[in-house]
Amino acid sequence: MVAGALAGRAVLVTGGSSGIGRAIAIAAARAGADVAITYRVNAAGAEEVQRAIGALGRRTSAIHLDLASAASLADLAAAARRALGRVDVWINNAGADILTGDAASLSRLEKLDRLIAVDLRGTMIASWHAAELLAAQEHGGVIINMSWDQVMIGMAGQNPELYSAVKGGVLAFSKSLARSVAPRVRVNILAPGFIETSFGEAADERWRRTVVDATPLQRWGTPDDVAGAAVFLASPAAAFLTGQTIFVGGGVVM
């Protein structure tokens, strides 16, 4: 992480109360940014992230957001500006969980509906609001959307089929959006692979070993690995990148 890479910038991270979003939010603060996060149910996690950001001397705020609600999304840009004064970088990280807890027992159609409503529709609507906000600012801004590395090669199984359709849609949408909003706004995509989030931590050891064996870098990724790529894309170092996808998966997809 380059110290000061985001100095003076204001960053919004959706789904910032845990996992990858938490890591991105704290990494952005360490790089010098003021950071607002959103959460849906994990208020305690949001408070913990705020404390971590505040301890770094950065301005912070937590905003309640339901990505499946167009009305909730419509208020997000104004809420972020009230919290930070402006938004330079908008990171659409939040997504639906269909793998752990009660969500794992949902039917295939229920999982599909949830992913479409949150990960695809929610990301699209949020991106449109972000683009409108950033384009109106003097220096434009950056949007980063979250896809999945396996959309490029495919993975067998019911859940991978669902994720591939929806996260593939996010990737394709983001490339078209990048053309629509250039040059005022840059839009790039992060595509994480097997990352040590709650799903990875709960996986059985045999499958975890299979993932390691299939990964050229011989380990699972961490949320901090994704956060490092996010800070790069948000920084001036990536000023000539738009419509690009960074695969953060240890080389499983190249």
Protein backbone atom coordinates (compact mmCIF):
# COMPACT_ATOMS: atom_id res chain seq x y z
CA MET A 1 0.00 0.00 0.00
CA VAL A 2 1.49 3.35 -1.02
CA ALA A 3 1.28 5.83 1.85
CA GLY A 4 -0.63 8.92 0.79
CA ALA A 5 -1.88 7.36 -2.45
CA LEU A 6 -5.39 8.65 -1.70
CA ALA A 7 -4.44 11.72 0.33
CA GLY A 8 -7.16 14.35 0.29
CA ARG A 9 -9.70 12.06 -1.39
CA ALA A 10 -13.14 11.03 -0.22
CA VAL A 11 -14.11 7.39 -0.74
CA LEU A 12 -17.46 5.60 -0.45
CA VAL A 13 -17.41 1.82 0.04
CA THR A 14 -20.71 -0.04 -0.02
CA GLY A 15 -20.88 -3.13 2.16
CA GLY A 16 -17.99 -1.86 4.26
CA SER A 17 -18.92 -3.43 7.59
CA SER A 18 -17.12 -6.75 7.07
CA GLY A 19 -14.99 -8.87 4.76
CA ILE A 20 -13.58 -7.35 1.59
CA GLY A 21 -15.47 -4.08 2.04
CA ARG A 22 -14.03 -3.62 5.53
CA ALA A 23 -10.51 -4.23 4.22
CA ILE A 24 -10.99 -1.76 1.36
CA ALA A 25 -12.37 0.94 3.65
CA ILE A 26 -9.50 0.66 6.14
CA ALA A 27 -6.89 0.45 3.36
CA ALA A 28 -8.29 3.61 1.77
CA ALA A 29 -8.05 5.39 5.12
CA ARG A 30 -4.47 4.21 5.57
CA ALA A 31 -3.74 5.63 2.11
CA GLY A 32 -4.99 9.03 3.28
CA ALA A 33 -8.68 9.11 2.32
CA ASP A 34 -11.75 10.06 4.29
CA VAL A 35 -14.08 7.07 4.05
CA ALA A 36 -17.83 6.52 4.29
CA ILE A 37 -19.17 2.98 4.36
CA THR A 38 -22.61 1.48 4.00
CA TYR A 39 -24.18 -1.42 5.85
CA ARG A 40 -27.54 -3.17 5.82
CA VAL A 41 -27.80 -5.20 9.06
CA ASN A 42 -24.29 -5.31 10.53
CA ALA A 43 -24.40 -2.08 12.55
CA ALA A 44 -21.86 -3.41 15.06
CA GLY A 45 -19.40 -4.18 12.27
CA ALA A 46 -19.94 -0.73 10.78
CA GLU A 47 -19.18 0.88 14.14
CA GLU A 48 -15.97 -1.15 14.47
CA VAL A 49 -14.81 -0.08 11.01
CA GLN A 50 -15.58 3.54 11.83
CA ARG A 51 -13.44 3.29 14.96
CA ALA A 52 -10.57 1.83 12.95
CA ILE A 53 -10.80 4.62 10.36
CA GLY A 54 -11.12 7.30 13.03
CA ALA A 55 -8.02 5.96 14.78
CA LEU A 56 -6.13 6.68 11.56
CA GLY A 57 -7.17 10.32 11.82
CA ARG A 58 -9.58 10.18 8.91
CA ARG A 59 -13.14 11.45 8.64
CA THR A 60 -15.70 8.65 8.48
CA SER A 61 -19.40 7.83 8.49
CA ALA A 62 -21.66 4.77 8.26
CA ILE A 63 -24.77 4.96 6.09
CA HIS A 64 -27.61 2.46 6.19
CA LEU A 65 -28.31 1.07 2.71
CA ASP A 66 -30.58 -1.58 1.23
CA LEU A 67 -29.12 -2.30 -2.21
CA ALA A 68 -32.33 -4.00 -3.31
CA SER A 69 -34.27 -0.76 -2.72
CA ALA A 70 -34.17 1.89 -5.45
CA ALA A 71 -35.40 4.47 -2.92
CA SER A 72 -32.54 3.67 -0.54
CA LEU A 73 -30.05 3.93 -3.39
CA ALA A 74 -31.53 7.25 -4.51
CA ASP A 75 -30.58 8.78 -1.14
CA LEU A 76 -27.04 7.40 -1.06
CA ALA A 77 -25.23 10.07 -3.07
CA ALA A 78 -26.66 12.88 -0.96
CA ALA A 79 -25.91 11.00 2.25
CA ALA A 80 -22.30 10.43 1.17
CA ARG A 81 -21.85 14.09 0.32
CA ARG A 82 -23.28 15.12 3.68
CA ALA A 83 -20.85 12.77 5.39
CA LEU A 84 -17.69 13.59 3.43
CA GLY A 85 -18.35 16.89 1.65
CA ARG A 86 -17.79 15.23 -1.71
CA VAL A 87 -17.07 11.78 -3.20
CA ASP A 88 -14.01 11.16 -5.37
CA VAL A 89 -14.14 7.36 -5.43
CA TRP A 90 -17.30 5.23 -5.29
CA ILE A 91 -16.71 1.51 -4.74
CA ASN A 92 -19.69 -0.81 -5.26
CA ASN A 93 -18.56 -3.73 -3.12
CA ALA A 94 -21.79 -4.82 -1.39
CA GLY A 95 -23.46 -8.01 -2.55
CA ALA A 96 -25.95 -10.64 -1.48
CA ASP A 97 -24.89 -13.69 0.52
CA ILE A 98 -26.32 -16.94 -0.84
CA LEU A 99 -23.63 -19.22 0.59
CA THR A 100 -23.71 -18.98 4.37
CA GLY A 101 -26.28 -19.07 7.17
CA ASP A 102 -29.96 -19.26 6.28
CA ALA A 103 -29.23 -18.02 2.75
CA ALA A 104 -27.51 -21.29 1.90
CA SER A 105 -30.84 -23.14 2.14
CA LEU A 106 -32.71 -20.86 -0.24
CA SER A 107 -34.05 -22.41 -3.43
CA ARG A 108 -32.22 -21.86 -6.71
CA LEU A 109 -34.79 -19.30 -7.88
CA GLU A 110 -34.73 -17.48 -4.54
CA LYS A 111 -30.95 -17.21 -4.75
CA LEU A 112 -31.15 -15.99 -8.33
CA ASP A 113 -33.74 -13.35 -7.48
CA ARG A 114 -31.63 -12.13 -4.56
CA LEU A 115 -28.46 -11.90 -6.63
CA ILE A 116 -30.18 -10.09 -9.47
CA ALA A 117 -31.83 -7.60 -7.11
CA VAL A 118 -28.71 -6.84 -5.09
CA ASP A 119 -25.55 -7.62 -7.03
CA LEU A 120 -26.71 -6.77 -10.55
CA ARG A 121 -29.62 -4.33 -10.32
CA GLY A 122 -28.27 -2.72 -7.17
CA THR A 123 -24.80 -2.23 -8.64
CA MET A 124 -26.24 -0.80 -11.84
CA ILE A 125 -28.48 1.71 -10.09
CA ALA A 126 -25.72 2.68 -7.67
CA SER A 127 -23.32 3.15 -10.58
CA TRP A 128 -25.75 5.44 -12.38
CA HIS A 129 -26.12 7.60 -9.27
CA ALA A 130 -22.36 7.57 -8.79
CA ALA A 131 -21.67 8.57 -12.38
CA GLU A 132 -24.11 11.48 -12.17
CA LEU A 133 -22.54 12.71 -8.92
CA LEU A 134 -18.92 12.33 -10.03
CA ALA A 135 -19.41 13.80 -13.48
CA ALA A 136 -20.83 16.98 -11.96
CA GLN A 137 -17.71 17.54 -9.88
CA GLU A 138 -14.77 19.63 -11.06
CA HIS A 139 -12.33 16.71 -11.18
CA GLY A 140 -14.72 13.89 -12.04
CA GLY A 141 -14.05 10.67 -10.15
CA VAL A 142 -13.68 6.92 -10.08
CA ILE A 143 -16.16 4.03 -9.90
CA ILE A 144 -15.00 0.52 -9.01
CA ASN A 145 -17.41 -2.40 -9.38
CA MET A 146 -17.04 -5.94 -8.09
CA SER A 147 -17.20 -8.99 -10.36
CA TRP A 148 -15.72 -12.52 -10.01
CA ASP A 149 -12.71 -14.05 -11.73
CA GLN A 150 -14.50 -17.29 -12.65
CA VAL A 151 -16.91 -15.51 -15.01
CA MET A 152 -14.13 -15.64 -17.59
CA ILE A 153 -13.66 -19.43 -17.58
CA GLY A 154 -16.74 -20.90 -15.89
CA MET A 155 -17.18 -23.17 -12.89
CA ALA A 156 -19.49 -26.15 -12.54
CA GLY A 157 -22.23 -26.09 -9.92
CA GLN A 158 -25.52 -24.39 -9.14
CA ASN A 159 -24.12 -21.49 -7.11
CA PRO A 160 -21.31 -20.80 -9.61
CA GLU A 161 -23.89 -20.74 -12.41
CA LEU A 162 -25.83 -18.06 -10.54
CA TYR A 163 -22.77 -16.02 -9.66
CA SER A 164 -21.39 -16.28 -13.18
CA ALA A 165 -24.57 -14.88 -14.70
CA VAL A 166 -24.87 -12.00 -12.28
CA LYS A 167 -21.21 -11.08 -11.80
CA GLY A 168 -20.65 -11.48 -15.52
CA GLY A 169 -23.44 -8.99 -16.00
CA VAL A 170 -21.70 -6.56 -13.64
CA LEU A 171 -18.48 -6.88 -15.63
CA ALA A 172 -20.17 -6.32 -19.00
CA PHE A 173 -22.26 -3.42 -17.68
CA SER A 174 -19.20 -1.75 -16.18
CA LYS A 175 -17.30 -1.85 -19.48
CA SER A 176 -20.19 -0.19 -21.28
CA LEU A 177 -20.61 2.37 -18.50
CA ALA A 178 -16.90 3.19 -18.75
CA ARG A 179 -17.42 4.20 -22.37
CA SER A 180 -20.56 6.18 -21.55
CA VAL A 181 -19.07 8.33 -18.79
CA ALA A 182 -15.51 8.86 -20.06
CA PRO A 183 -13.52 11.04 -19.80
CA ARG A 184 -15.01 12.63 -16.67
CA VAL A 185 -15.37 9.37 -14.79
CA ARG A 186 -13.21 6.25 -14.84
CA VAL A 187 -14.92 2.87 -14.30
CA ASN A 188 -12.93 -0.27 -13.54
CA ILE A 189 -13.69 -3.73 -12.24
CA LEU A 190 -12.20 -5.90 -9.52
CA ALA A 191 -12.71 -9.65 -9.94
CA PRO A 192 -11.66 -11.48 -6.78
CA GLY A 193 -11.14 -15.23 -6.77
CA PHE A 194 -11.00 -17.49 -3.72
CA ILE A 195 -10.75 -15.05 -0.82
CA GLU A 196 -10.66 -15.81 2.91
CA THR A 197 -14.07 -14.36 3.77
CA SER A 198 -16.70 -16.07 5.95
CA PHE A 199 -17.43 -18.57 3.17
CA GLY A 200 -13.80 -19.56 2.71
CA GLU A 201 -13.19 -19.79 6.43
CA ALA A 202 -16.13 -22.19 6.83
CA ALA A 203 -15.14 -24.46 3.92
CA ASP A 204 -13.92 -27.98 4.71
CA GLU A 205 -10.17 -28.52 4.75
CA ARG A 206 -10.14 -30.91 1.80
CA TRP A 207 -11.78 -28.36 -0.50
CA ARG A 208 -9.57 -25.58 0.85
CA ARG A 209 -6.55 -27.68 -0.12
CA THR A 210 -7.99 -28.25 -3.58
CA VAL A 211 -8.21 -24.48 -4.07
CA VAL A 212 -4.59 -24.01 -2.99
CA ASP A 213 -3.40 -26.74 -5.34
CA ALA A 214 -5.25 -25.12 -8.25
CA THR A 215 -3.83 -21.66 -7.54
CA PRO A 216 -0.44 -20.77 -9.05
CA LEU A 217 0.41 -18.60 -6.03
CA GLN A 218 -0.43 -21.57 -3.77
CA ARG A 219 -2.72 -19.91 -1.24
CA TRP A 220 -6.14 -18.42 -0.71
CA GLY A 221 -6.39 -14.68 -1.15
CA THR A 222 -7.13 -12.30 1.69
CA PRO A 223 -9.42 -9.27 1.83
CA ASP A 224 -6.26 -7.16 2.05
CA ASP A 225 -5.14 -8.52 -1.34
CA VAL A 226 -8.33 -7.15 -2.88
CA ALA A 227 -8.02 -3.91 -0.94
CA GLY A 228 -4.56 -3.26 -2.35
CA ALA A 229 -5.88 -3.54 -5.89
CA ALA A 230 -8.81 -1.27 -5.02
CA VAL A 231 -6.53 1.45 -3.65
CA PHE A 232 -4.42 1.27 -6.81
CA LEU A 233 -7.46 1.65 -9.09
CA ALA A 234 -8.72 4.54 -6.95
CA SER A 235 -5.39 6.36 -7.03
CA PRO A 236 -3.78 8.73 -9.53
CA ALA A 237 -1.42 5.86 -10.45
CA ALA A 238 -4.34 4.35 -12.40
CA ALA A 239 -5.31 7.63 -14.08
CA PHE A 240 -5.05 6.14 -17.60
CA LEU A 241 -7.08 3.01 -16.85
CA THR A 242 -10.79 2.69 -17.54
CA GLY A 243 -12.98 -0.26 -18.50
CA GLN A 244 -10.33 -2.64 -17.18
CA THR A 245 -10.64 -5.73 -14.98
CA ILE A 246 -8.08 -6.76 -12.37
CA PHE A 247 -8.28 -10.44 -11.42
CA VAL A 248 -7.31 -10.83 -7.77
CA GLY A 249 -7.18 -14.60 -7.68
CA GLY A 250 -3.60 -15.77 -7.40
CA GLY A 251 -3.38 -16.64 -11.09
CA VAL A 252 -6.29 -19.08 -11.34
CA VAL A 253 -7.60 -16.87 -14.14
CA MET A 254 -5.00 -15.14 -16.31
